[in-house]
Amino acid sequence: MNFSKRWIRLLLVTLTIFVLYNCKYQNYESELKALKTNLETNKSIVRLAHEEVWSKGNISIIDTLYAQNYIAHWVVGEDTGLDEFKKMIVNNRISFPDLNEKIIHIVAEGDFVVTHFISSGTFKESMGNIPATGKRASNPEIAIHRIENGKIAEQWTVSDRLNMLTQLGIQL
């Protein structure tokens, strides 16, 4: 009788551990799934920005993809706010009407999405005091995007500007 009580206790303890372990494992599994979904959502937001805003000049989607207090950090300075950003996109599309950004790599970690992409386009209209050359350029770039509340809140972009200017036939 004593022997079977021990077996029953051991069986109950084993079942309890098994149930608790499976519950904990399922929680981890759902947390990992939620994290993966969030990372994929963040990557989709950035991918859409490259495709619609930069490659097509669709400024009507900017309010959906970018935070109201968006800050862009460029090699040559900063743009703040969506109005300034929209003007910059329109001006870029005037100077480079066939501008296209092709994503080569996209990586997400936490609230950040990094893209390595190639910008290419033909310089058809002057940009500021730089006269158009009619030449085409391809420029590798890397951008780090910070996502906040489902929108791009901040961006840091680095590119090989000297390479681009050389391809366009612009002398410094």
N, C-alpha and C. Protein backbone atom coordinates (compact mmCIF):
# COMPACT_ATOMS: atom_id res chain seq x y z
N MET A 1 0.82 -1.19 0.00
CA MET A 1 0.00 0.00 0.00
C MET A 1 0.87 1.25 0.00
N ASN A 2 1.90 1.28 0.84
CA ASN A 2 2.82 2.40 0.94
C ASN A 2 3.53 2.63 -0.40
N PHE A 3 3.87 1.52 -1.08
CA PHE A 3 4.56 1.59 -2.36
C PHE A 3 3.68 2.26 -3.42
N SER A 4 2.43 1.95 -3.49
CA SER A 4 1.57 2.53 -4.51
C SER A 4 1.27 4.00 -4.22
N LYS A 5 1.23 4.44 -2.97
CA LYS A 5 1.05 5.85 -2.64
C LYS A 5 2.23 6.67 -3.15
N ARG A 6 3.42 6.11 -3.02
CA ARG A 6 4.61 6.80 -3.54
C ARG A 6 4.52 6.96 -5.05
N TRP A 7 4.10 5.90 -5.73
CA TRP A 7 3.97 5.96 -7.18
C TRP A 7 2.92 6.98 -7.60
N ILE A 8 1.84 7.03 -6.86
CA ILE A 8 0.78 7.98 -7.18
C ILE A 8 1.29 9.40 -6.97
N ARG A 9 2.00 9.66 -5.87
CA ARG A 9 2.58 10.99 -5.63
C ARG A 9 3.58 11.36 -6.72
N LEU A 10 4.44 10.41 -7.04
CA LEU A 10 5.43 10.66 -8.09
C LEU A 10 4.74 10.96 -9.43
N LEU A 11 3.70 10.20 -9.73
CA LEU A 11 2.96 10.43 -10.95
C LEU A 11 2.30 11.82 -10.94
N LEU A 12 1.71 12.22 -9.82
CA LEU A 12 1.08 13.54 -9.70
C LEU A 12 2.10 14.66 -9.83
N VAL A 13 3.24 14.52 -9.18
CA VAL A 13 4.30 15.53 -9.29
C VAL A 13 4.79 15.63 -10.73
N THR A 14 5.00 14.50 -11.37
CA THR A 14 5.46 14.48 -12.76
C THR A 14 4.44 15.14 -13.68
N LEU A 15 3.18 14.83 -13.51
CA LEU A 15 2.13 15.44 -14.32
C LEU A 15 2.05 16.95 -14.08
N THR A 16 2.19 17.38 -12.83
CA THR A 16 2.15 18.80 -12.51
C THR A 16 3.31 19.53 -13.19
N ILE A 17 4.49 18.97 -13.09
CA ILE A 17 5.66 19.58 -13.74
C ILE A 17 5.45 19.64 -15.26
N PHE A 18 4.93 18.56 -15.83
CA PHE A 18 4.70 18.51 -17.26
C PHE A 18 3.71 19.60 -17.69
N VAL A 19 2.60 19.73 -16.95
CA VAL A 19 1.59 20.73 -17.27
C VAL A 19 2.16 22.15 -17.14
N LEU A 20 2.88 22.41 -16.04
CA LEU A 20 3.47 23.74 -15.84
C LEU A 20 4.49 24.06 -16.92
N TYR A 21 5.31 23.09 -17.26
CA TYR A 21 6.32 23.31 -18.31
C TYR A 21 5.64 23.64 -19.63
N ASN A 22 4.62 22.87 -19.99
CA ASN A 22 3.93 23.11 -21.27
C ASN A 22 3.25 24.47 -21.28
N CYS A 23 2.67 24.89 -20.17
CA CYS A 23 2.05 26.22 -20.11
C CYS A 23 3.09 27.31 -20.31
N LYS A 24 4.23 27.14 -19.63
CA LYS A 24 5.30 28.13 -19.76
C LYS A 24 5.83 28.14 -21.19
N TYR A 25 6.03 26.97 -21.78
CA TYR A 25 6.52 26.87 -23.14
C TYR A 25 5.55 27.53 -24.11
N GLN A 26 4.24 27.30 -23.93
CA GLN A 26 3.25 27.92 -24.80
C GLN A 26 3.28 29.44 -24.68
N ASN A 27 3.51 29.96 -23.46
CA ASN A 27 3.63 31.41 -23.29
C ASN A 27 4.82 31.94 -24.05
N TYR A 28 5.97 31.25 -23.96
CA TYR A 28 7.14 31.68 -24.72
C TYR A 28 6.86 31.63 -26.21
N GLU A 29 6.20 30.57 -26.62
CA GLU A 29 5.90 30.42 -28.03
C GLU A 29 5.01 31.56 -28.53
N SER A 30 4.00 31.95 -27.76
CA SER A 30 3.13 33.04 -28.18
C SER A 30 3.87 34.39 -28.12
N GLU A 31 4.77 34.55 -27.14
CA GLU A 31 5.57 35.77 -27.07
C GLU A 31 6.48 35.88 -28.28
N LEU A 32 7.11 34.76 -28.66
CA LEU A 32 7.99 34.75 -29.84
C LEU A 32 7.19 35.05 -31.11
N LYS A 33 6.00 34.49 -31.20
CA LYS A 33 5.16 34.74 -32.37
C LYS A 33 4.77 36.21 -32.44
N ALA A 34 4.41 36.81 -31.31
CA ALA A 34 4.05 38.24 -31.28
C ALA A 34 5.24 39.10 -31.66
N LEU A 35 6.43 38.74 -31.14
CA LEU A 35 7.64 39.49 -31.46
C LEU A 35 7.93 39.40 -32.96
N LYS A 36 7.84 38.20 -33.51
CA LYS A 36 8.10 38.03 -34.94
C LYS A 36 7.10 38.82 -35.77
N THR A 37 5.83 38.81 -35.35
CA THR A 37 4.80 39.57 -36.06
C THR A 37 5.11 41.05 -36.03
N ASN A 38 5.53 41.56 -34.85
CA ASN A 38 5.87 42.97 -34.71
C ASN A 38 7.07 43.34 -35.60
N LEU A 39 8.09 42.50 -35.62
CA LEU A 39 9.26 42.76 -36.46
C LEU A 39 8.88 42.75 -37.94
N GLU A 40 8.02 41.80 -38.33
CA GLU A 40 7.59 41.73 -39.73
C GLU A 40 6.74 42.95 -40.09
N THR A 41 5.90 43.41 -39.16
CA THR A 41 5.09 44.62 -39.39
C THR A 41 6.00 45.82 -39.58
N ASN A 42 7.01 45.97 -38.71
CA ASN A 42 7.95 47.09 -38.83
C ASN A 42 8.67 47.05 -40.17
N LYS A 43 9.09 45.87 -40.60
CA LYS A 43 9.76 45.75 -41.89
C LYS A 43 8.81 46.11 -43.04
N SER A 44 7.55 45.74 -42.91
CA SER A 44 6.57 46.08 -43.95
C SER A 44 6.36 47.58 -44.06
N ILE A 45 6.35 48.27 -42.92
CA ILE A 45 6.19 49.73 -42.91
C ILE A 45 7.34 50.38 -43.68
N VAL A 46 8.56 49.95 -43.38
CA VAL A 46 9.75 50.52 -44.03
C VAL A 46 9.80 50.14 -45.50
N ARG A 47 9.46 48.90 -45.81
CA ARG A 47 9.45 48.46 -47.21
C ARG A 47 8.45 49.30 -48.01
N LEU A 48 7.28 49.56 -47.43
CA LEU A 48 6.27 50.37 -48.09
C LEU A 48 6.76 51.80 -48.31
N ALA A 49 7.50 52.33 -47.34
CA ALA A 49 8.06 53.69 -47.49
C ALA A 49 9.03 53.73 -48.68
N HIS A 50 9.89 52.73 -48.79
CA HIS A 50 10.82 52.68 -49.93
C HIS A 50 10.05 52.59 -51.25
N GLU A 51 9.06 51.70 -51.29
CA GLU A 51 8.34 51.46 -52.55
C GLU A 51 7.42 52.61 -52.94
N GLU A 52 6.63 53.10 -51.99
CA GLU A 52 5.60 54.09 -52.32
C GLU A 52 6.12 55.54 -52.27
N VAL A 53 6.78 55.88 -51.16
CA VAL A 53 7.20 57.28 -50.99
C VAL A 53 8.41 57.59 -51.86
N TRP A 54 9.47 56.83 -51.69
CA TRP A 54 10.72 57.15 -52.39
C TRP A 54 10.68 56.75 -53.86
N SER A 55 10.21 55.53 -54.17
CA SER A 55 10.26 55.06 -55.55
C SER A 55 9.13 55.58 -56.43
N LYS A 56 7.98 55.89 -55.83
CA LYS A 56 6.85 56.36 -56.63
C LYS A 56 6.48 57.81 -56.36
N GLY A 57 7.04 58.39 -55.29
CA GLY A 57 6.72 59.78 -54.97
C GLY A 57 5.32 59.97 -54.40
N ASN A 58 4.76 58.93 -53.84
CA ASN A 58 3.40 58.96 -53.30
C ASN A 58 3.40 59.65 -51.93
N ILE A 59 3.21 60.96 -51.93
CA ILE A 59 3.25 61.70 -50.66
C ILE A 59 1.94 61.56 -49.88
N SER A 60 0.88 61.07 -50.51
CA SER A 60 -0.39 60.91 -49.80
C SER A 60 -0.32 59.83 -48.72
N ILE A 61 0.64 58.95 -48.80
CA ILE A 61 0.77 57.87 -47.81
C ILE A 61 1.72 58.25 -46.66
N ILE A 62 2.38 59.38 -46.77
CA ILE A 62 3.37 59.78 -45.76
C ILE A 62 2.75 59.89 -44.37
N ASP A 63 1.57 60.48 -44.26
CA ASP A 63 0.93 60.62 -42.95
C ASP A 63 0.61 59.27 -42.31
N THR A 64 0.42 58.26 -43.12
CA THR A 64 0.14 56.91 -42.63
C THR A 64 1.40 56.20 -42.16
N LEU A 65 2.51 56.42 -42.85
CA LEU A 65 3.76 55.69 -42.57
C LEU A 65 4.71 56.39 -41.61
N TYR A 66 4.64 57.73 -41.54
CA TYR A 66 5.60 58.50 -40.77
C TYR A 66 4.92 59.22 -39.61
N ALA A 67 5.62 59.29 -38.47
CA ALA A 67 5.12 60.00 -37.30
C ALA A 67 5.09 61.50 -37.56
N GLN A 68 4.19 62.20 -36.91
CA GLN A 68 4.04 63.64 -37.10
C GLN A 68 5.34 64.39 -36.79
N ASN A 69 6.08 63.92 -35.80
CA ASN A 69 7.34 64.57 -35.38
C ASN A 69 8.57 63.88 -36.00
N TYR A 70 8.40 63.31 -37.17
CA TYR A 70 9.47 62.60 -37.88
C TYR A 70 10.72 63.47 -38.02
N ILE A 71 11.86 62.83 -37.78
CA ILE A 71 13.17 63.50 -37.96
C ILE A 71 14.01 62.64 -38.89
N ALA A 72 14.56 63.25 -39.93
CA ALA A 72 15.46 62.56 -40.85
C ALA A 72 16.85 63.13 -40.68
N HIS A 73 17.80 62.27 -40.38
CA HIS A 73 19.21 62.66 -40.23
C HIS A 73 19.95 62.27 -41.50
N TRP A 74 20.39 63.25 -42.23
CA TRP A 74 21.14 63.01 -43.47
C TRP A 74 22.61 63.37 -43.22
N VAL A 75 23.46 62.99 -44.13
CA VAL A 75 24.87 63.34 -44.03
C VAL A 75 25.05 64.86 -44.01
N VAL A 76 24.18 65.56 -44.73
CA VAL A 76 24.32 67.02 -44.87
C VAL A 76 23.42 67.82 -43.95
N GLY A 77 22.70 67.17 -43.06
CA GLY A 77 21.83 67.90 -42.14
C GLY A 77 20.62 67.11 -41.72
N GLU A 78 19.56 67.83 -41.35
CA GLU A 78 18.36 67.21 -40.81
C GLU A 78 17.11 67.82 -41.42
N ASP A 79 16.09 67.00 -41.57
CA ASP A 79 14.74 67.48 -41.89
C ASP A 79 13.86 67.10 -40.72
N THR A 80 13.01 68.03 -40.29
CA THR A 80 12.10 67.73 -39.20
C THR A 80 10.67 68.05 -39.61
N GLY A 81 9.77 67.17 -39.24
CA GLY A 81 8.36 67.37 -39.53
C GLY A 81 7.97 66.87 -40.91
N LEU A 82 6.71 66.54 -41.05
CA LEU A 82 6.23 65.94 -42.29
C LEU A 82 6.11 66.94 -43.44
N ASP A 83 5.80 68.20 -43.15
CA ASP A 83 5.68 69.19 -44.23
C ASP A 83 7.00 69.36 -44.97
N GLU A 84 8.09 69.50 -44.20
CA GLU A 84 9.42 69.65 -44.79
C GLU A 84 9.81 68.38 -45.55
N PHE A 85 9.46 67.24 -44.98
CA PHE A 85 9.77 65.96 -45.60
C PHE A 85 9.02 65.81 -46.94
N LYS A 86 7.75 66.16 -46.97
CA LYS A 86 6.96 66.06 -48.21
C LYS A 86 7.54 66.96 -49.30
N LYS A 87 7.95 68.18 -48.94
CA LYS A 87 8.56 69.09 -49.91
C LYS A 87 9.84 68.49 -50.49
N MET A 88 10.63 67.86 -49.62
CA MET A 88 11.87 67.25 -50.06
C MET A 88 11.60 66.11 -51.03
N ILE A 89 10.59 65.29 -50.75
CA ILE A 89 10.24 64.18 -51.65
C ILE A 89 9.80 64.73 -53.01
N VAL A 90 8.93 65.74 -53.01
CA VAL A 90 8.46 66.35 -54.26
C VAL A 90 9.64 66.90 -55.05
N ASN A 91 10.55 67.62 -54.40
CA ASN A 91 11.72 68.18 -55.09
C ASN A 91 12.63 67.09 -55.65
N ASN A 92 12.82 66.01 -54.87
CA ASN A 92 13.63 64.89 -55.37
C ASN A 92 13.00 64.28 -56.62
N ARG A 93 11.67 64.12 -56.60
CA ARG A 93 10.97 63.52 -57.75
C ARG A 93 11.02 64.43 -58.98
N ILE A 94 11.07 65.74 -58.78
CA ILE A 94 11.21 66.67 -59.90
C ILE A 94 12.59 66.52 -60.52
N SER A 95 13.62 66.47 -59.67
CA SER A 95 14.99 66.36 -60.17
C SER A 95 15.29 64.96 -60.72
N PHE A 96 14.73 63.95 -60.09
CA PHE A 96 14.95 62.54 -60.49
C PHE A 96 13.59 61.87 -60.67
N PRO A 97 12.90 62.14 -61.78
CA PRO A 97 11.53 61.62 -61.94
C PRO A 97 11.44 60.10 -61.99
N ASP A 98 12.54 59.44 -62.34
CA ASP A 98 12.53 57.98 -62.40
C ASP A 98 13.25 57.36 -61.19
N LEU A 99 13.36 58.11 -60.10
CA LEU A 99 14.04 57.62 -58.90
C LEU A 99 13.43 56.30 -58.44
N ASN A 100 14.28 55.36 -58.13
CA ASN A 100 13.84 54.05 -57.66
C ASN A 100 14.78 53.58 -56.56
N GLU A 101 14.22 52.99 -55.53
CA GLU A 101 15.02 52.40 -54.46
C GLU A 101 14.76 50.90 -54.41
N LYS A 102 15.83 50.13 -54.61
CA LYS A 102 15.72 48.67 -54.57
C LYS A 102 16.37 48.18 -53.28
N ILE A 103 15.56 47.55 -52.44
CA ILE A 103 16.08 47.02 -51.17
C ILE A 103 16.89 45.76 -51.44
N ILE A 104 18.11 45.74 -50.92
CA ILE A 104 18.99 44.58 -51.04
C ILE A 104 18.88 43.72 -49.78
N HIS A 105 18.94 44.38 -48.61
CA HIS A 105 18.81 43.69 -47.31
C HIS A 105 17.88 44.50 -46.42
N ILE A 106 17.12 43.79 -45.60
CA ILE A 106 16.28 44.46 -44.60
C ILE A 106 16.33 43.61 -43.33
N VAL A 107 16.65 44.26 -42.21
CA VAL A 107 16.82 43.58 -40.93
C VAL A 107 16.08 44.37 -39.86
N ALA A 108 15.35 43.67 -39.00
CA ALA A 108 14.62 44.34 -37.91
C ALA A 108 15.09 43.79 -36.57
N GLU A 109 15.21 44.69 -35.61
CA GLU A 109 15.59 44.33 -34.24
C GLU A 109 14.92 45.34 -33.31
N GLY A 110 14.06 44.88 -32.44
CA GLY A 110 13.37 45.78 -31.53
C GLY A 110 12.56 46.80 -32.31
N ASP A 111 12.77 48.08 -32.03
CA ASP A 111 12.05 49.16 -32.71
C ASP A 111 12.79 49.70 -33.93
N PHE A 112 13.85 49.02 -34.36
CA PHE A 112 14.66 49.51 -35.46
C PHE A 112 14.58 48.58 -36.67
N VAL A 113 14.58 49.21 -37.85
CA VAL A 113 14.66 48.46 -39.11
C VAL A 113 15.78 49.09 -39.92
N VAL A 114 16.70 48.25 -40.39
CA VAL A 114 17.83 48.71 -41.19
C VAL A 114 17.65 48.21 -42.61
N THR A 115 17.83 49.11 -43.57
CA THR A 115 17.78 48.70 -44.97
C THR A 115 19.08 49.08 -45.67
N HIS A 116 19.54 48.17 -46.49
CA HIS A 116 20.64 48.43 -47.42
C HIS A 116 19.96 48.41 -48.78
N PHE A 117 20.09 49.50 -49.52
CA PHE A 117 19.36 49.62 -50.77
C PHE A 117 20.17 50.38 -51.79
N ILE A 118 19.73 50.29 -53.04
CA ILE A 118 20.36 51.02 -54.13
C ILE A 118 19.35 52.04 -54.66
N SER A 119 19.72 53.32 -54.61
CA SER A 119 18.91 54.38 -55.21
C SER A 119 19.45 54.63 -56.60
N SER A 120 18.55 54.70 -57.56
CA SER A 120 19.01 55.01 -58.92
C SER A 120 17.99 55.93 -59.60
N GLY A 121 18.51 56.76 -60.47
CA GLY A 121 17.65 57.69 -61.18
C GLY A 121 18.44 58.57 -62.12
N THR A 122 17.72 59.28 -62.96
CA THR A 122 18.32 60.18 -63.96
C THR A 122 18.10 61.62 -63.53
N PHE A 123 19.18 62.40 -63.52
CA PHE A 123 19.15 63.79 -63.06
C PHE A 123 18.63 64.67 -64.20
N LYS A 124 17.30 64.89 -64.24
CA LYS A 124 16.67 65.57 -65.38
C LYS A 124 16.35 67.03 -65.14
N GLU A 125 16.20 67.46 -63.91
CA GLU A 125 15.88 68.86 -63.60
C GLU A 125 16.84 69.35 -62.52
N SER A 126 17.22 70.62 -62.57
CA SER A 126 18.18 71.15 -61.59
C SER A 126 17.67 70.96 -60.17
N MET A 127 18.63 70.86 -59.27
CA MET A 127 18.33 70.72 -57.85
C MET A 127 19.06 71.85 -57.14
N GLY A 128 18.29 72.84 -56.69
CA GLY A 128 18.92 74.01 -56.09
C GLY A 128 19.76 74.71 -57.14
N ASN A 129 21.03 74.94 -56.83
CA ASN A 129 21.92 75.61 -57.79
C ASN A 129 22.74 74.63 -58.62
N ILE A 130 22.39 73.34 -58.55
CA ILE A 130 23.10 72.33 -59.34
C ILE A 130 22.31 72.04 -60.61
N PRO A 131 22.89 72.36 -61.79
CA PRO A 131 22.16 72.13 -63.04
C PRO A 131 22.06 70.64 -63.37
N ALA A 132 20.94 70.25 -63.96
CA ALA A 132 20.72 68.86 -64.36
C ALA A 132 21.74 68.46 -65.41
N THR A 133 22.15 67.19 -65.37
CA THR A 133 23.13 66.69 -66.34
C THR A 133 22.53 65.68 -67.30
N GLY A 134 21.34 65.17 -66.99
CA GLY A 134 20.73 64.14 -67.83
C GLY A 134 21.36 62.78 -67.65
N LYS A 135 22.31 62.68 -66.73
CA LYS A 135 22.99 61.40 -66.50
C LYS A 135 22.28 60.59 -65.42
N ARG A 136 22.48 59.29 -65.51
CA ARG A 136 21.88 58.35 -64.55
C ARG A 136 22.93 57.95 -63.53
N ALA A 137 22.48 57.73 -62.28
CA ALA A 137 23.38 57.29 -61.20
C ALA A 137 22.71 56.21 -60.37
N SER A 138 23.54 55.33 -59.86
CA SER A 138 23.11 54.32 -58.88
C SER A 138 23.95 54.52 -57.64
N ASN A 139 23.29 54.58 -56.51
CA ASN A 139 24.00 54.93 -55.29
C ASN A 139 23.62 53.97 -54.16
N PRO A 140 24.60 53.24 -53.60
CA PRO A 140 24.29 52.37 -52.46
C PRO A 140 24.06 53.21 -51.20
N GLU A 141 23.06 52.83 -50.42
CA GLU A 141 22.74 53.56 -49.20
C GLU A 141 22.37 52.59 -48.08
N ILE A 142 22.50 53.06 -46.86
CA ILE A 142 22.05 52.32 -45.68
C ILE A 142 21.23 53.28 -44.83
N ALA A 143 20.05 52.83 -44.42
CA ALA A 143 19.19 53.65 -43.58
C ALA A 143 18.76 52.87 -42.35
N ILE A 144 18.76 53.55 -41.22
CA ILE A 144 18.27 52.99 -39.96
C ILE A 144 16.98 53.74 -39.64
N HIS A 145 15.90 53.01 -39.47
CA HIS A 145 14.59 53.60 -39.19
C HIS A 145 14.18 53.21 -37.77
N ARG A 146 13.73 54.17 -37.00
CA ARG A 146 13.17 53.87 -35.67
C ARG A 146 11.66 53.94 -35.77
N ILE A 147 11.02 52.86 -35.37
CA ILE A 147 9.56 52.76 -35.44
C ILE A 147 8.98 53.04 -34.06
N GLU A 148 7.95 53.89 -34.04
CA GLU A 148 7.27 54.22 -32.79
C GLU A 148 5.76 54.25 -33.07
N ASN A 149 5.03 53.45 -32.32
CA ASN A 149 3.57 53.36 -32.49
C ASN A 149 3.17 53.07 -33.93
N GLY A 150 3.90 52.18 -34.58
CA GLY A 150 3.55 51.75 -35.93
C GLY A 150 3.90 52.72 -37.03
N LYS A 151 4.75 53.73 -36.72
CA LYS A 151 5.14 54.71 -37.74
C LYS A 151 6.64 54.98 -37.66
N ILE A 152 7.21 55.40 -38.77
CA ILE A 152 8.63 55.76 -38.80
C ILE A 152 8.77 57.11 -38.10
N ALA A 153 9.50 57.11 -36.98
CA ALA A 153 9.64 58.33 -36.19
C ALA A 153 10.97 59.03 -36.46
N GLU A 154 11.96 58.24 -36.83
CA GLU A 154 13.30 58.81 -37.03
C GLU A 154 14.04 57.94 -38.03
N GLN A 155 14.95 58.59 -38.77
CA GLN A 155 15.71 57.88 -39.79
C GLN A 155 17.11 58.48 -39.90
N TRP A 156 18.09 57.59 -40.00
CA TRP A 156 19.48 57.99 -40.24
C TRP A 156 19.89 57.33 -41.55
N THR A 157 20.38 58.12 -42.49
CA THR A 157 20.76 57.58 -43.80
C THR A 157 22.18 57.99 -44.14
N VAL A 158 22.93 57.02 -44.64
CA VAL A 158 24.31 57.25 -45.07
C VAL A 158 24.45 56.71 -46.49
N SER A 159 25.07 57.51 -47.36
CA SER A 159 25.28 57.06 -48.73
C SER A 159 26.62 57.58 -49.24
N ASP A 160 27.03 57.04 -50.36
CA ASP A 160 28.28 57.44 -50.98
C ASP A 160 28.00 58.60 -51.93
N ARG A 161 27.90 59.81 -51.39
CA ARG A 161 27.54 60.99 -52.18
C ARG A 161 28.58 61.32 -53.26
N LEU A 162 29.85 61.14 -52.93
CA LEU A 162 30.91 61.43 -53.90
C LEU A 162 30.75 60.54 -55.13
N ASN A 163 30.48 59.27 -54.92
CA ASN A 163 30.25 58.33 -56.02
C ASN A 163 29.08 58.79 -56.87
N MET A 164 27.99 59.19 -56.22
CA MET A 164 26.80 59.64 -56.95
C MET A 164 27.10 60.90 -57.77
N LEU A 165 27.75 61.88 -57.16
CA LEU A 165 28.09 63.13 -57.87
C LEU A 165 28.99 62.86 -59.06
N THR A 166 29.94 61.94 -58.90
CA THR A 166 30.84 61.58 -60.00
C THR A 166 30.06 60.96 -61.15
N GLN A 167 29.14 60.03 -60.84
CA GLN A 167 28.33 59.41 -61.88
C GLN A 167 27.47 60.42 -62.62
N LEU A 168 26.99 61.42 -61.90
CA LEU A 168 26.13 62.44 -62.50
C LEU A 168 26.91 63.49 -63.27
N GLY A 169 28.26 63.44 -63.19
CA GLY A 169 29.09 64.39 -63.91
C GLY A 169 29.18 65.75 -63.22
N ILE A 170 28.95 65.76 -61.92
CA ILE A 170 29.01 67.01 -61.17
C ILE A 170 30.39 67.11 -60.53
N GLN A 171 31.09 68.20 -60.79
CA GLN A 171 32.41 68.41 -60.23
C GLN A 171 32.33 69.32 -59.02
N LEU A 172 33.10 68.96 -58.02
CA LEU A 172 33.11 69.78 -56.79
C LEU A 172 34.11 70.91 -56.89
